[in-house]
Amino acid sequence: MDVTEFGAWGSRQSMDGISMRLARQYVIADDSVPARFDILYGFAGLYPELAVRNRFSL
């Protein structure tokens, strides 16, 4: 396996409020190339003036 391209590599893309990140790096100890994939997202009220507070809890 040619590992010269896997020193350290990463990429990040953002689309429609969702951010995704991919990172890969060669591990010399076990001759592998693990990948890490992170997704960051959130939500917010689009119309806060229409929000209702419920005073009763379950």
N, C-alpha and C. Protein backbone atom coordinates (compact mmCIF):
# COMPACT_ATOMS: atom_id res chain seq x y z
N MET A 1 0.85 -1.17 0.00
CA MET A 1 0.00 0.00 0.00
C MET A 1 0.90 1.24 0.00
N ASP A 2 0.64 2.16 -0.91
CA ASP A 2 1.38 3.41 -0.96
C ASP A 2 0.74 4.39 0.02
N VAL A 3 1.45 4.72 1.09
CA VAL A 3 0.89 5.58 2.14
C VAL A 3 1.40 7.01 2.07
N THR A 4 2.11 7.37 1.02
CA THR A 4 2.67 8.72 0.94
C THR A 4 1.59 9.80 0.90
N GLU A 5 0.41 9.47 0.42
CA GLU A 5 -0.67 10.47 0.34
C GLU A 5 -1.42 10.64 1.66
N PHE A 6 -1.16 9.82 2.67
CA PHE A 6 -1.93 9.84 3.90
C PHE A 6 -1.18 10.43 5.09
N GLY A 7 -0.23 11.33 4.89
CA GLY A 7 0.46 11.96 6.01
C GLY A 7 -0.55 12.54 6.99
N ALA A 8 -1.28 13.49 6.56
CA ALA A 8 -2.42 14.06 7.29
C ALA A 8 -3.29 14.73 6.25
N TRP A 9 -4.56 14.43 6.26
CA TRP A 9 -5.46 14.95 5.24
C TRP A 9 -6.80 15.27 5.87
N GLY A 10 -7.41 16.35 5.43
CA GLY A 10 -8.72 16.71 5.96
C GLY A 10 -9.49 17.57 4.99
N SER A 11 -10.79 17.60 5.17
CA SER A 11 -11.66 18.40 4.33
C SER A 11 -12.89 18.80 5.14
N ARG A 12 -13.41 20.00 4.85
CA ARG A 12 -14.62 20.45 5.53
C ARG A 12 -15.55 21.08 4.51
N GLN A 13 -16.82 20.75 4.59
CA GLN A 13 -17.85 21.29 3.71
C GLN A 13 -19.04 21.71 4.55
N SER A 14 -19.71 22.75 4.12
CA SER A 14 -20.91 23.22 4.80
C SER A 14 -22.01 23.41 3.77
N MET A 15 -23.20 22.86 4.08
CA MET A 15 -24.32 22.99 3.15
C MET A 15 -25.62 23.01 3.95
N ASP A 16 -26.46 23.97 3.67
CA ASP A 16 -27.78 24.08 4.31
C ASP A 16 -27.71 24.05 5.83
N GLY A 17 -26.69 24.67 6.42
CA GLY A 17 -26.58 24.75 7.87
C GLY A 17 -25.98 23.52 8.53
N ILE A 18 -25.53 22.56 7.74
CA ILE A 18 -24.89 21.36 8.29
C ILE A 18 -23.43 21.38 7.87
N SER A 19 -22.54 21.30 8.85
CA SER A 19 -21.11 21.30 8.59
C SER A 19 -20.57 19.89 8.77
N MET A 20 -19.82 19.40 7.77
CA MET A 20 -19.25 18.06 7.82
C MET A 20 -17.74 18.14 7.67
N ARG A 21 -17.03 17.33 8.44
CA ARG A 21 -15.57 17.32 8.40
C ARG A 21 -15.07 15.88 8.33
N LEU A 22 -14.09 15.64 7.47
CA LEU A 22 -13.46 14.33 7.33
C LEU A 22 -11.97 14.50 7.54
N ALA A 23 -11.38 13.66 8.39
CA ALA A 23 -9.94 13.70 8.65
C ALA A 23 -9.38 12.29 8.57
N ARG A 24 -8.23 12.15 7.90
CA ARG A 24 -7.56 10.85 7.78
C ARG A 24 -6.07 11.05 8.03
N GLN A 25 -5.45 10.05 8.63
CA GLN A 25 -4.01 10.11 8.86
C GLN A 25 -3.46 8.69 8.99
N TYR A 26 -2.30 8.48 8.43
CA TYR A 26 -1.64 7.17 8.47
C TYR A 26 -1.12 6.89 9.87
N VAL A 27 -1.34 5.66 10.37
CA VAL A 27 -0.84 5.24 11.68
C VAL A 27 0.26 4.22 11.44
N ILE A 28 1.49 4.60 11.78
CA ILE A 28 2.63 3.74 11.50
C ILE A 28 2.66 2.50 12.38
N ALA A 29 2.06 2.56 13.57
CA ALA A 29 2.08 1.44 14.52
C ALA A 29 1.40 0.18 13.97
N ASP A 30 0.27 0.36 13.28
CA ASP A 30 -0.43 -0.82 12.76
C ASP A 30 -0.70 -0.75 11.26
N ASP A 31 -0.02 0.17 10.57
CA ASP A 31 -0.08 0.27 9.11
C ASP A 31 -1.52 0.43 8.61
N SER A 32 -2.26 1.33 9.25
CA SER A 32 -3.65 1.57 8.85
C SER A 32 -3.86 3.06 8.57
N VAL A 33 -4.98 3.36 7.95
CA VAL A 33 -5.36 4.74 7.65
C VAL A 33 -6.79 4.96 8.14
N PRO A 34 -6.96 5.23 9.45
CA PRO A 34 -8.31 5.45 9.96
C PRO A 34 -8.86 6.80 9.50
N ALA A 35 -10.17 6.89 9.46
CA ALA A 35 -10.85 8.12 9.07
C ALA A 35 -11.80 8.54 10.19
N ARG A 36 -11.94 9.84 10.34
CA ARG A 36 -12.86 10.40 11.34
C ARG A 36 -13.83 11.31 10.59
N PHE A 37 -15.12 11.14 10.83
CA PHE A 37 -16.16 11.91 10.15
C PHE A 37 -17.00 12.59 11.21
N ASP A 38 -17.00 13.93 11.21
CA ASP A 38 -17.76 14.71 12.19
C ASP A 38 -18.88 15.47 11.48
N ILE A 39 -20.04 15.52 12.11
CA ILE A 39 -21.17 16.28 11.59
C ILE A 39 -21.64 17.23 12.68
N LEU A 40 -21.78 18.51 12.32
CA LEU A 40 -22.24 19.53 13.26
C LEU A 40 -23.51 20.15 12.70
N TYR A 41 -24.57 20.13 13.49
CA TYR A 41 -25.82 20.73 13.06
C TYR A 41 -26.54 21.29 14.28
N GLY A 42 -27.52 22.08 14.04
CA GLY A 42 -28.30 22.64 15.13
C GLY A 42 -29.68 23.04 14.61
N PHE A 43 -30.47 23.59 15.48
CA PHE A 43 -31.78 24.03 15.06
C PHE A 43 -32.14 25.30 15.82
N ALA A 44 -33.02 26.05 15.27
CA ALA A 44 -33.49 27.28 15.89
C ALA A 44 -34.94 27.50 15.43
N GLY A 45 -35.65 28.25 16.23
CA GLY A 45 -37.01 28.57 15.86
C GLY A 45 -37.03 29.55 14.69
N LEU A 46 -37.75 29.23 13.64
CA LEU A 46 -37.82 30.12 12.50
C LEU A 46 -38.72 31.32 12.77
N TYR A 47 -39.75 31.11 13.57
CA TYR A 47 -40.67 32.18 13.92
C TYR A 47 -40.83 32.23 15.44
N PRO A 48 -39.90 32.85 16.17
CA PRO A 48 -40.00 32.86 17.63
C PRO A 48 -41.26 33.56 18.14
N GLU A 49 -41.85 34.43 17.36
CA GLU A 49 -43.07 35.12 17.79
C GLU A 49 -44.26 34.17 17.85
N LEU A 50 -44.16 32.98 17.25
CA LEU A 50 -45.23 31.99 17.28
C LEU A 50 -45.02 30.93 18.37
N ALA A 51 -43.98 31.08 19.16
CA ALA A 51 -43.67 30.09 20.21
C ALA A 51 -44.70 30.14 21.33
N VAL A 52 -44.94 28.99 21.95
CA VAL A 52 -45.88 28.87 23.06
C VAL A 52 -45.18 28.18 24.21
N ARG A 53 -45.37 28.69 25.42
CA ARG A 53 -44.78 28.05 26.61
C ARG A 53 -45.88 27.24 27.30
N ASN A 54 -45.58 25.98 27.57
CA ASN A 54 -46.53 25.09 28.24
C ASN A 54 -46.20 25.09 29.73
N ARG A 55 -47.13 25.47 30.58
CA ARG A 55 -46.85 25.54 32.01
C ARG A 55 -47.12 24.22 32.71
N PHE A 56 -47.68 23.25 32.01
CA PHE A 56 -47.93 21.93 32.58
C PHE A 56 -46.81 20.99 32.17
N SER A 57 -46.29 20.24 33.12
CA SER A 57 -45.23 19.28 32.78
C SER A 57 -45.74 17.87 33.03
N LEU A 58 -45.15 16.92 32.35
CA LEU A 58 -45.56 15.52 32.51
C LEU A 58 -44.83 14.88 33.64
